[in-house]
Amino acid sequence: MESLLNALPWIVGGLVLVAVLAALRKPLQWLVRVLARTGVGLAVLWCLSGVGGVLGVNLGVNLLNALVLGVLGAPGFGLLLLMNWALAV
């Protein structure tokens, strides 16, 4: 009986952990997907910075630009180029 009382907090803690992870499953999947796409956007910006001078495209390699590029994709790239052009004038 005493071993059951010693194990009870661990059992309850495990059940609470399982319930919390089940409740946060969708938000965590969404967050992982956004982080992965932001990483890809950062990689694209880094690759573009190497050839951007030849093409006349100078976008900063930073987290905000990577987030916009990762979440919005090609339209986000167009938005970044348009904002770069509009703010440079």
PDB file of N, CA and C in Angstrom:
ATOM      1  N   MET A   1       0.816  -1.196   0.000  1.00  0.00           N
ATOM      2  CA  MET A   1       0.000   0.000   0.000  1.00  0.00           C
ATOM      3  C   MET A   1       0.858   1.258   0.000  1.00  0.00           C
ATOM      4  N   GLU A   2       1.961   1.171   0.756  1.00  0.00           N
ATOM      5  CA  GLU A   2       2.845   2.339   0.838  1.00  0.00           C
ATOM      6  C   GLU A   2       3.509   2.626  -0.507  1.00  0.00           C
ATOM      7  N   SER A   3       3.860   1.583  -1.267  1.00  0.00           N
ATOM      8  CA  SER A   3       4.483   1.790  -2.575  1.00  0.00           C
ATOM      9  C   SER A   3       3.502   2.455  -3.544  1.00  0.00           C
ATOM     10  N   LEU A   4       2.207   2.133  -3.402  1.00  0.00           N
ATOM     11  CA  LEU A   4       1.194   2.781  -4.235  1.00  0.00           C
ATOM     12  C   LEU A   4       1.088   4.258  -3.894  1.00  0.00           C
ATOM     13  N   LEU A   5       1.151   4.587  -2.613  1.00  0.00           N
ATOM     14  CA  LEU A   5       1.094   5.990  -2.207  1.00  0.00           C
ATOM     15  C   LEU A   5       2.337   6.748  -2.654  1.00  0.00           C
ATOM     16  N   ASN A   6       3.487   6.076  -2.697  1.00  0.00           N
ATOM     17  CA  ASN A   6       4.704   6.721  -3.183  1.00  0.00           C
ATOM     18  C   ASN A   6       4.672   6.925  -4.694  1.00  0.00           C
ATOM     19  N   ALA A   7       4.017   6.045  -5.424  1.00  0.00           N
ATOM     20  CA  ALA A   7       3.951   6.133  -6.874  1.00  0.00           C
ATOM     21  C   ALA A   7       2.812   7.021  -7.356  1.00  0.00           C
ATOM     22  N   LEU A   8       1.853   7.318  -6.501  1.00  0.00           N
ATOM     23  CA  LEU A   8       0.683   8.095  -6.906  1.00  0.00           C
ATOM     24  C   LEU A   8       1.035   9.477  -7.467  1.00  0.00           C
ATOM     25  N   PRO A   9       1.933  10.262  -6.859  1.00  0.00           N
ATOM     26  CA  PRO A   9       2.273  11.559  -7.465  1.00  0.00           C
ATOM     27  C   PRO A   9       2.876  11.422  -8.863  1.00  0.00           C
ATOM     28  N   TRP A  10       3.670  10.373  -9.087  1.00  0.00           N
ATOM     29  CA  TRP A  10       4.251  10.161 -10.403  1.00  0.00           C
ATOM     30  C   TRP A  10       3.189   9.792 -11.426  1.00  0.00           C
ATOM     31  N   ILE A  11       2.234   8.994 -11.021  1.00  0.00           N
ATOM     32  CA  ILE A  11       1.148   8.599 -11.921  1.00  0.00           C
ATOM     33  C   ILE A  11       0.287   9.806 -12.280  1.00  0.00           C
ATOM     34  N   VAL A  12      -0.068  10.591 -11.273  1.00  0.00           N
ATOM     35  CA  VAL A  12      -0.886  11.785 -11.520  1.00  0.00           C
ATOM     36  C   VAL A  12      -0.117  12.785 -12.375  1.00  0.00           C
ATOM     37  N   GLY A  13       1.160  12.976 -12.080  1.00  0.00           N
ATOM     38  CA  GLY A  13       1.980  13.885 -12.881  1.00  0.00           C
ATOM     39  C   GLY A  13       2.081  13.442 -14.322  1.00  0.00           C
ATOM     40  N   GLY A  14       2.227  12.141 -14.547  1.00  0.00           N
ATOM     41  CA  GLY A  14       2.276  11.614 -15.908  1.00  0.00           C
ATOM     42  C   GLY A  14       0.974  11.819 -16.651  1.00  0.00           C
ATOM     43  N   LEU A  15      -0.141  11.611 -15.955  1.00  0.00           N
ATOM     44  CA  LEU A  15      -1.441  11.831 -16.591  1.00  0.00           C
ATOM     45  C   LEU A  15      -1.669  13.303 -16.921  1.00  0.00           C
ATOM     46  N   VAL A  16      -1.238  14.196 -16.035  1.00  0.00           N
ATOM     47  CA  VAL A  16      -1.353  15.632 -16.303  1.00  0.00           C
ATOM     48  C   VAL A  16      -0.487  16.016 -17.498  1.00  0.00           C
ATOM     49  N   LEU A  17       0.727  15.470 -17.566  1.00  0.00           N
ATOM     50  CA  LEU A  17       1.611  15.747 -18.694  1.00  0.00           C
ATOM     51  C   LEU A  17       1.007  15.266 -20.002  1.00  0.00           C
ATOM     52  N   VAL A  18       0.428  14.090 -20.017  1.00  0.00           N
ATOM     53  CA  VAL A  18      -0.219  13.568 -21.222  1.00  0.00           C
ATOM     54  C   VAL A  18      -1.399  14.451 -21.621  1.00  0.00           C
ATOM     55  N   ALA A  19      -2.184  14.907 -20.652  1.00  0.00           N
ATOM     56  CA  ALA A  19      -3.325  15.774 -20.952  1.00  0.00           C
ATOM     57  C   ALA A  19      -2.867  17.116 -21.518  1.00  0.00           C
ATOM     58  N   VAL A  20      -1.812  17.691 -20.962  1.00  0.00           N
ATOM     59  CA  VAL A  20      -1.300  18.979 -21.447  1.00  0.00           C
ATOM     60  C   VAL A  20      -0.753  18.832 -22.861  1.00  0.00           C
ATOM     61  N   LEU A  21       0.006  17.777 -23.117  1.00  0.00           N
ATOM     62  CA  LEU A  21       0.542  17.567 -24.460  1.00  0.00           C
ATOM     63  C   LEU A  21      -0.562  17.307 -25.482  1.00  0.00           C
ATOM     64  N   ALA A  22      -1.614  16.616 -25.074  1.00  0.00           N
ATOM     65  CA  ALA A  22      -2.743  16.378 -25.977  1.00  0.00           C
ATOM     66  C   ALA A  22      -3.473  17.681 -26.284  1.00  0.00           C
ATOM     67  N   ALA A  23      -3.590  18.549 -25.287  1.00  0.00           N
ATOM     68  CA  ALA A  23      -4.277  19.826 -25.499  1.00  0.00           C
ATOM     69  C   ALA A  23      -3.452  20.770 -26.366  1.00  0.00           C
ATOM     70  N   LEU A  24      -2.130  20.679 -26.279  1.00  0.00           N
ATOM     71  CA  LEU A  24      -1.266  21.582 -27.035  1.00  0.00           C
ATOM     72  C   LEU A  24      -0.757  20.984 -28.342  1.00  0.00           C
ATOM     73  N   ARG A  25      -1.320  19.876 -28.756  1.00  0.00           N
ATOM     74  CA  ARG A  25      -0.815  19.198 -29.944  1.00  0.00           C
ATOM     75  C   ARG A  25      -0.932  20.063 -31.195  1.00  0.00           C
ATOM     76  N   LYS A  26      -2.086  20.604 -31.457  1.00  0.00           N
ATOM     77  CA  LYS A  26      -2.285  21.431 -32.654  1.00  0.00           C
ATOM     78  C   LYS A  26      -1.443  22.703 -32.616  1.00  0.00           C
ATOM     79  N   PRO A  27      -1.451  23.470 -31.517  1.00  0.00           N
ATOM     80  CA  PRO A  27      -0.603  24.672 -31.501  1.00  0.00           C
ATOM     81  C   PRO A  27       0.887  24.351 -31.648  1.00  0.00           C
ATOM     82  N   LEU A  28       1.331  23.242 -31.089  1.00  0.00           N
ATOM     83  CA  LEU A  28       2.742  22.880 -31.222  1.00  0.00           C
ATOM     84  C   LEU A  28       3.074  22.481 -32.654  1.00  0.00           C
ATOM     85  N   GLN A  29       2.174  21.774 -33.318  1.00  0.00           N
ATOM     86  CA  GLN A  29       2.395  21.426 -34.723  1.00  0.00           C
ATOM     87  C   GLN A  29       2.451  22.684 -35.577  1.00  0.00           C
ATOM     88  N   TRP A  30       1.564  23.636 -35.301  1.00  0.00           N
ATOM     89  CA  TRP A  30       1.552  24.893 -36.043  1.00  0.00           C
ATOM     90  C   TRP A  30       2.849  25.655 -35.812  1.00  0.00           C
ATOM     91  N   LEU A  31       3.315  25.705 -34.567  1.00  0.00           N
ATOM     92  CA  LEU A  31       4.543  26.420 -34.238  1.00  0.00           C
ATOM     93  C   LEU A  31       5.750  25.776 -34.901  1.00  0.00           C
ATOM     94  N   VAL A  32       5.820  24.451 -34.910  1.00  0.00           N
ATOM     95  CA  VAL A  32       6.926  23.757 -35.561  1.00  0.00           C
ATOM     96  C   VAL A  32       6.909  24.023 -37.058  1.00  0.00           C
ATOM     97  N   ARG A  33       5.725  24.024 -37.671  1.00  0.00           N
ATOM     98  CA  ARG A  33       5.622  24.297 -39.103  1.00  0.00           C
ATOM     99  C   ARG A  33       6.061  25.719 -39.431  1.00  0.00           C
ATOM    100  N   VAL A  34       5.661  26.701 -38.625  1.00  0.00           N
ATOM    101  CA  VAL A  34       6.066  28.089 -38.854  1.00  0.00           C
ATOM    102  C   VAL A  34       7.576  28.244 -38.677  1.00  0.00           C
ATOM    103  N   LEU A  35       8.137  27.606 -37.655  1.00  0.00           N
ATOM    104  CA  LEU A  35       9.581  27.681 -37.440  1.00  0.00           C
ATOM    105  C   LEU A  35      10.357  27.036 -38.592  1.00  0.00           C
ATOM    106  N   ALA A  36       9.867  25.921 -39.113  1.00  0.00           N
ATOM    107  CA  ALA A  36      10.536  25.261 -40.235  1.00  0.00           C
ATOM    108  C   ALA A  36      10.477  26.129 -41.485  1.00  0.00           C
ATOM    109  N   ARG A  37       9.313  26.717 -41.749  1.00  0.00           N
ATOM    110  CA  ARG A  37       9.183  27.573 -42.930  1.00  0.00           C
ATOM    111  C   ARG A  37      10.009  28.846 -42.788  1.00  0.00           C
ATOM    112  N   THR A  38      10.129  29.354 -41.558  1.00  0.00           N
ATOM    113  CA  THR A  38      10.973  30.519 -41.321  1.00  0.00           C
ATOM    114  C   THR A  38      12.438  30.167 -41.563  1.00  0.00           C
ATOM    115  N   GLY A  39      12.845  28.984 -41.164  1.00  0.00           N
ATOM    116  CA  GLY A  39      14.212  28.530 -41.433  1.00  0.00           C
ATOM    117  C   GLY A  39      14.492  28.425 -42.919  1.00  0.00           C
ATOM    118  N   VAL A  40      13.529  27.911 -43.664  1.00  0.00           N
ATOM    119  CA  VAL A  40      13.687  27.837 -45.121  1.00  0.00           C
ATOM    120  C   VAL A  40      13.749  29.245 -45.710  1.00  0.00           C
ATOM    121  N   GLY A  41      12.924  30.145 -45.220  1.00  0.00           N
ATOM    122  CA  GLY A  41      12.965  31.534 -45.685  1.00  0.00           C
ATOM    123  C   GLY A  41      14.299  32.189 -45.384  1.00  0.00           C
ATOM    124  N   LEU A  42      14.860  31.904 -44.223  1.00  0.00           N
ATOM    125  CA  LEU A  42      16.171  32.439 -43.858  1.00  0.00           C
ATOM    126  C   LEU A  42      17.247  31.890 -44.786  1.00  0.00           C
ATOM    127  N   ALA A  43      17.159  30.613 -45.126  1.00  0.00           N
ATOM    128  CA  ALA A  43      18.122  30.017 -46.049  1.00  0.00           C
ATOM    129  C   ALA A  43      18.016  30.638 -47.442  1.00  0.00           C
ATOM    130  N   VAL A  44      16.788  30.895 -47.884  1.00  0.00           N
ATOM    131  CA  VAL A  44      16.596  31.525 -49.195  1.00  0.00           C
ATOM    132  C   VAL A  44      17.165  32.940 -49.185  1.00  0.00           C
ATOM    133  N   LEU A  45      16.931  33.688 -48.124  1.00  0.00           N
ATOM    134  CA  LEU A  45      17.488  35.039 -48.038  1.00  0.00           C
ATOM    135  C   LEU A  45      19.008  35.015 -48.017  1.00  0.00           C
ATOM    136  N   TRP A  46      19.576  34.033 -47.325  1.00  0.00           N
ATOM    137  CA  TRP A  46      21.032  33.930 -47.270  1.00  0.00           C
ATOM    138  C   TRP A  46      21.601  33.610 -48.650  1.00  0.00           C
ATOM    139  N   CYS A  47      20.950  32.689 -49.369  1.00  0.00           N
ATOM    140  CA  CYS A  47      21.398  32.363 -50.727  1.00  0.00           C
ATOM    141  C   CYS A  47      21.221  33.554 -51.658  1.00  0.00           C
ATOM    142  N   LEU A  48      20.146  34.285 -51.474  1.00  0.00           N
ATOM    143  CA  LEU A  48      19.883  35.444 -52.314  1.00  0.00           C
ATOM    144  C   LEU A  48      20.867  36.577 -52.040  1.00  0.00           C
ATOM    145  N   SER A  49      21.376  36.659 -50.821  1.00  0.00           N
ATOM    146  CA  SER A  49      22.320  37.732 -50.505  1.00  0.00           C
ATOM    147  C   SER A  49      23.622  37.559 -51.276  1.00  0.00           C
ATOM    148  N   GLY A  50      23.960  36.326 -51.632  1.00  0.00           N
ATOM    149  CA  GLY A  50      25.179  36.093 -52.403  1.00  0.00           C
ATOM    150  C   GLY A  50      25.076  36.576 -53.835  1.00  0.00           C
ATOM    151  N   VAL A  51      23.921  36.385 -54.452  1.00  0.00           N
ATOM    152  CA  VAL A  51      23.746  36.788 -55.848  1.00  0.00           C
ATOM    153  C   VAL A  51      22.844  38.009 -55.976  1.00  0.00           C
ATOM    154  N   GLY A  52      22.419  38.570 -54.883  1.00  0.00           N
ATOM    155  CA  GLY A  52      21.492  39.700 -54.926  1.00  0.00           C
ATOM    156  C   GLY A  52      22.096  40.951 -55.532  1.00  0.00           C
ATOM    157  N   GLY A  53      23.374  41.171 -55.322  1.00  0.00           N
ATOM    158  CA  GLY A  53      24.025  42.348 -55.893  1.00  0.00           C
ATOM    159  C   GLY A  53      24.034  42.315 -57.411  1.00  0.00           C
ATOM    160  N   VAL A  54      24.224  41.139 -57.988  1.00  0.00           N
ATOM    161  CA  VAL A  54      24.227  40.995 -59.444  1.00  0.00           C
ATOM    162  C   VAL A  54      22.826  41.238 -59.994  1.00  0.00           C
ATOM    163  N   LEU A  55      21.819  40.766 -59.260  1.00  0.00           N
ATOM    164  CA  LEU A  55      20.439  40.901 -59.714  1.00  0.00           C
ATOM    165  C   LEU A  55      19.820  42.249 -59.346  1.00  0.00           C
ATOM    166  N   GLY A  56      20.479  43.002 -58.471  1.00  0.00           N
ATOM    167  CA  GLY A  56      19.941  44.278 -58.025  1.00  0.00           C
ATOM    168  C   GLY A  56      18.940  44.141 -56.890  1.00  0.00           C
ATOM    169  N   VAL A  57      18.968  43.021 -56.197  1.00  0.00           N
ATOM    170  CA  VAL A  57      18.056  42.774 -55.083  1.00  0.00           C
ATOM    171  C   VAL A  57      18.879  42.751 -53.808  1.00  0.00           C
ATOM    172  N   ASN A  58      18.608  43.669 -52.905  1.00  0.00           N
ATOM    173  CA  ASN A  58      19.345  43.733 -51.649  1.00  0.00           C
ATOM    174  C   ASN A  58      18.372  43.665 -50.489  1.00  0.00           C
ATOM    175  N   LEU A  59      18.022  42.458 -50.085  1.00  0.00           N
ATOM    176  CA  LEU A  59      17.151  42.256 -48.933  1.00  0.00           C
ATOM    177  C   LEU A  59      18.011  41.853 -47.744  1.00  0.00           C
ATOM    178  N   GLY A  60      17.677  42.376 -46.588  1.00  0.00           N
ATOM    179  CA  GLY A  60      18.416  42.022 -45.389  1.00  0.00           C
ATOM    180  C   GLY A  60      18.126  40.591 -44.952  1.00  0.00           C
ATOM    181  N   VAL A  61      19.144  39.948 -44.436  1.00  0.00           N
ATOM    182  CA  VAL A  61      18.983  38.584 -43.915  1.00  0.00           C
ATOM    183  C   VAL A  61      18.704  38.718 -42.430  1.00  0.00           C
ATOM    184  N   ASN A  62      17.430  38.773 -42.078  1.00  0.00           N
ATOM    185  CA  ASN A  62      17.048  38.883 -40.675  1.00  0.00           C
ATOM    186  C   ASN A  62      15.801  38.041 -40.419  1.00  0.00           C
ATOM    187  N   LEU A  63      15.460  37.930 -39.158  1.00  0.00           N
ATOM    188  CA  LEU A  63      14.370  37.040 -38.769  1.00  0.00           C
ATOM    189  C   LEU A  63      13.013  37.528 -39.273  1.00  0.00           C
ATOM    190  N   LEU A  64      12.775  38.828 -39.282  1.00  0.00           N
ATOM    191  CA  LEU A  64      11.484  39.342 -39.747  1.00  0.00           C
ATOM    192  C   LEU A  64      11.291  39.065 -41.236  1.00  0.00           C
ATOM    193  N   ASN A  65      12.318  39.326 -42.047  1.00  0.00           N
ATOM    194  CA  ASN A  65      12.208  39.028 -43.476  1.00  0.00           C
ATOM    195  C   ASN A  65      12.028  37.531 -43.709  1.00  0.00           C
ATOM    196  N   ALA A  66      12.730  36.709 -42.938  1.00  0.00           N
ATOM    197  CA  ALA A  66      12.600  35.264 -43.081  1.00  0.00           C
ATOM    198  C   ALA A  66      11.201  34.809 -42.696  1.00  0.00           C
ATOM    199  N   LEU A  67      10.624  35.410 -41.659  1.00  0.00           N
ATOM    200  CA  LEU A  67       9.271  35.058 -41.239  1.00  0.00           C
ATOM    201  C   LEU A  67       8.254  35.417 -42.316  1.00  0.00           C
ATOM    202  N   VAL A  68       8.380  36.614 -42.887  1.00  0.00           N
ATOM    203  CA  VAL A  68       7.466  37.025 -43.962  1.00  0.00           C
ATOM    204  C   VAL A  68       7.616  36.101 -45.160  1.00  0.00           C
ATOM    205  N   LEU A  69       8.846  35.805 -45.533  1.00  0.00           N
ATOM    206  CA  LEU A  69       9.087  34.933 -46.679  1.00  0.00           C
ATOM    207  C   LEU A  69       8.623  33.509 -46.404  1.00  0.00           C
ATOM    208  N   GLY A  70       8.826  33.018 -45.198  1.00  0.00           N
ATOM    209  CA  GLY A  70       8.425  31.665 -44.864  1.00  0.00           C
ATOM    210  C   GLY A  70       6.924  31.490 -44.779  1.00  0.00           C
ATOM    211  N   VAL A  71       6.234  32.477 -44.222  1.00  0.00           N
ATOM    212  CA  VAL A  71       4.786  32.350 -44.050  1.00  0.00           C
ATOM    213  C   VAL A  71       4.040  32.652 -45.349  1.00  0.00           C
ATOM    214  N   LEU A  72       4.454  33.693 -46.057  1.00  0.00           N
ATOM    215  CA  LEU A  72       3.715  34.106 -47.248  1.00  0.00           C
ATOM    216  C   LEU A  72       4.233  33.496 -48.546  1.00  0.00           C
ATOM    217  N   GLY A  73       5.461  32.992 -48.562  1.00  0.00           N
ATOM    218  CA  GLY A  73       6.012  32.370 -49.755  1.00  0.00           C
ATOM    219  C   GLY A  73       6.368  33.392 -50.818  1.00  0.00           C
ATOM    220  N   ALA A  74       6.051  33.079 -52.082  1.00  0.00           N
ATOM    221  CA  ALA A  74       6.392  33.952 -53.203  1.00  0.00           C
ATOM    222  C   ALA A  74       5.723  35.330 -53.097  1.00  0.00           C
ATOM    223  N   PRO A  75       4.452  35.428 -52.694  1.00  0.00           N
ATOM    224  CA  PRO A  75       3.885  36.768 -52.501  1.00  0.00           C
ATOM    225  C   PRO A  75       4.614  37.558 -51.410  1.00  0.00           C
ATOM    226  N   GLY A  76       5.116  36.874 -50.403  1.00  0.00           N
ATOM    227  CA  GLY A  76       5.904  37.537 -49.373  1.00  0.00           C
ATOM    228  C   GLY A  76       7.201  38.080 -49.929  1.00  0.00           C
ATOM    229  N   PHE A  77       7.809  37.344 -50.855  1.00  0.00           N
ATOM    230  CA  PHE A  77       9.025  37.825 -51.509  1.00  0.00           C
ATOM    231  C   PHE A  77       8.728  39.091 -52.304  1.00  0.00           C
ATOM    232  N   GLY A  78       7.609  39.071 -53.021  1.00  0.00           N
ATOM    233  CA  GLY A  78       7.204  40.274 -53.759  1.00  0.00           C
ATOM    234  C   GLY A  78       6.926  41.440 -52.828  1.00  0.00           C
ATOM    235  N   LEU A  79       6.302  41.165 -51.698  1.00  0.00           N
ATOM    236  CA  LEU A  79       6.034  42.209 -50.711  1.00  0.00           C
ATOM    237  C   LEU A  79       7.333  42.793 -50.167  1.00  0.00           C
ATOM    238  N   LEU A  80       8.295  41.938 -49.867  1.00  0.00           N
ATOM    239  CA  LEU A  80       9.582  42.425 -49.369  1.00  0.00           C
ATOM    240  C   LEU A  80      10.299  43.271 -50.417  1.00  0.00           C
ATOM    241  N   LEU A  81      10.261  42.840 -51.671  1.00  0.00           N
ATOM    242  CA  LEU A  81      10.885  43.630 -52.732  1.00  0.00           C
ATOM    243  C   LEU A  81      10.189  44.975 -52.909  1.00  0.00           C
ATOM    244  N   LEU A  82       8.862  44.972 -52.852  1.00  0.00           N
ATOM    245  CA  LEU A  82       8.106  46.211 -52.999  1.00  0.00           C
ATOM    246  C   LEU A  82       8.390  47.164 -51.842  1.00  0.00           C
ATOM    247  N   MET A  83       8.444  46.637 -50.630  1.00  0.00           N
ATOM    248  CA  MET A  83       8.747  47.491 -49.478  1.00  0.00           C
ATOM    249  C   MET A  83      10.173  48.014 -49.539  1.00  0.00           C
ATOM    250  N   ASN A  84      11.105  47.191 -50.011  1.00  0.00           N
ATOM    251  CA  ASN A  84      12.488  47.629 -50.156  1.00  0.00           C
ATOM    252  C   ASN A  84      12.575  48.755 -51.175  1.00  0.00           C
ATOM    253  N   TRP A  85      11.864  48.618 -52.281  1.00  0.00           N
ATOM    254  CA  TRP A  85      11.867  49.644 -53.315  1.00  0.00           C
ATOM    255  C   TRP A  85      11.186  50.920 -52.823  1.00  0.00           C
ATOM    256  N   ALA A  86      10.038  50.776 -52.141  1.00  0.00           N
ATOM    257  CA  ALA A  86       9.280  51.942 -51.696  1.00  0.00           C
ATOM    258  C   ALA A  86      10.019  52.716 -50.598  1.00  0.00           C
ATOM    259  N   LEU A  87      10.701  52.019 -49.721  1.00  0.00           N
ATOM    260  CA  LEU A  87      11.397  52.707 -48.631  1.00  0.00           C
ATOM    261  C   LEU A  87      12.751  53.245 -49.053  1.00  0.00           C
ATOM    262  N   ALA A  88      13.279  52.782 -50.187  1.00  0.00           N
ATOM    263  CA  ALA A  88      14.571  53.259 -50.660  1.00  0.00           C
ATOM    264  C   ALA A  88      14.439  54.589 -51.379  1.00  0.00           C
ATOM    265  N   VAL A  89      13.239  54.943 -51.826  1.00  0.00           N
ATOM    266  CA  VAL A  89      13.041  56.194 -52.581  1.00  0.00           C
ATOM    267  C   VAL A  89      13.042  57.375 -51.669  1.00  0.00           C
TER     268      VAL A  89
END
